[in-house]
């Protein structure tokens, strides 16, 4: 049975491109549009998961990242807040 691994996606503009990032596993990708960045991140996550499975480390990586195994698949840790903060610089 195939299981799903869910993840959060944050997307921001970097110059003329868009960066998509999955913070739970620190995987990112980019594209010329938001949709392309999103699609490329999904592909990058798939490659990451495939390689971790091949190496036999996927379960350890997911558990160390706070994922919990459920009937539906791997549930990501719940993100409670995403905030922009600042600190003064001299």
Protein backbone atom coordinates (compact mmCIF):
# COMPACT_ATOMS: atom_id res chain seq x y z
CA UNK A 1 0.00 0.00 0.00
CA UNK A 2 1.29 3.46 -0.92
CA UNK A 3 1.11 6.05 1.82
CA UNK A 4 1.12 9.83 1.57
CA UNK A 5 3.60 12.22 3.17
CA UNK A 6 2.04 15.63 3.62
CA UNK A 7 4.04 18.81 3.89
CA UNK A 8 3.64 22.57 4.10
CA UNK A 9 4.62 24.76 1.17
CA UNK A 10 5.87 28.31 1.54
CA UNK A 11 6.39 30.30 -1.65
CA UNK A 12 8.10 33.65 -2.11
CA UNK A 13 9.54 35.72 -4.92
CA UNK A 14 13.31 35.84 -5.36
CA UNK A 15 14.15 38.28 -8.13
CA UNK A 16 12.40 37.03 -11.25
CA UNK A 17 11.71 33.55 -9.87
CA UNK A 18 9.55 31.94 -7.21
CA UNK A 19 10.99 29.70 -4.49
CA UNK A 20 8.85 26.94 -2.96
CA UNK A 21 10.01 25.43 0.33
CA UNK A 22 8.80 22.52 2.45
CA UNK A 23 10.02 23.50 5.94
CA UNK A 24 9.33 20.16 7.63
CA UNK A 25 12.03 18.44 5.56
CA UNK A 26 13.94 21.54 4.38
CA UNK A 27 13.45 20.75 0.69
CA UNK A 28 13.08 23.57 -1.82
CA UNK A 29 12.80 24.22 -5.52
CA UNK A 30 12.01 27.14 -7.78
CA UNK A 31 10.22 28.11 -10.96
CA UNK A 32 9.32 31.02 -13.19
CA UNK A 33 5.73 31.03 -11.85
CA UNK A 34 4.11 30.06 -8.55
CA UNK A 35 2.56 27.00 -10.19
CA UNK A 36 5.89 25.94 -11.67
CA UNK A 37 7.65 26.39 -8.32
CA UNK A 38 4.93 24.32 -6.64
CA UNK A 39 5.22 21.58 -9.30
CA UNK A 40 9.02 21.55 -9.02
CA UNK A 41 8.84 21.29 -5.22
CA UNK A 42 6.53 18.30 -5.47
CA UNK A 43 9.04 16.67 -7.85
CA UNK A 44 11.96 17.53 -5.53
CA UNK A 45 10.09 16.05 -2.57
CA UNK A 46 9.40 12.89 -4.57
CA UNK A 47 13.09 12.54 -5.43
CA UNK A 48 14.05 13.19 -1.81
CA UNK A 49 11.63 10.55 -0.55
CA UNK A 50 12.68 8.02 -3.21
CA UNK A 51 16.36 8.46 -2.35
CA UNK A 52 15.72 8.23 1.40
CA UNK A 53 13.70 5.04 0.84
CA UNK A 54 16.50 3.61 -1.33
CA UNK A 55 19.02 4.37 1.41
CA UNK A 56 16.75 2.93 4.10
CA UNK A 57 16.64 6.20 6.06
CA UNK A 58 13.16 7.55 5.26
CA UNK A 59 11.50 6.40 8.49
CA UNK A 60 14.31 7.86 10.61
CA UNK A 61 14.24 11.18 8.71
CA UNK A 62 10.48 11.50 9.06
CA UNK A 63 10.44 10.61 12.75
CA UNK A 64 13.33 13.01 13.52
CA UNK A 65 11.39 15.73 11.67
CA UNK A 66 8.33 15.20 13.88
CA UNK A 67 6.19 13.18 11.45
CA UNK A 68 3.77 10.61 12.88
CA UNK A 69 2.70 7.46 11.02
CA UNK A 70 -1.06 7.07 10.59
CA UNK A 71 -3.39 4.88 8.54
CA UNK A 72 -3.44 7.50 5.76
CA UNK A 73 0.34 7.93 5.67
CA UNK A 74 2.83 10.19 7.40
CA UNK A 75 1.31 13.21 9.14
CA UNK A 76 3.52 16.29 9.34
CA UNK A 77 3.97 18.11 12.63
CA UNK A 78 1.28 20.74 13.07
CA UNK A 79 2.52 24.24 12.32
CA UNK A 80 1.01 26.50 14.95
CA UNK A 81 2.10 29.87 13.56
CA UNK A 82 3.97 31.44 10.69
CA UNK A 83 4.98 34.97 11.52
CA UNK A 84 7.22 37.67 10.17
CA UNK A 85 9.41 39.06 12.94
CA UNK A 86 12.30 41.49 13.04
CA UNK A 87 15.34 42.27 15.10
CA UNK A 88 17.27 45.53 15.13
CA UNK A 89 20.64 45.66 13.45
CA UNK A 90 23.29 48.31 13.97
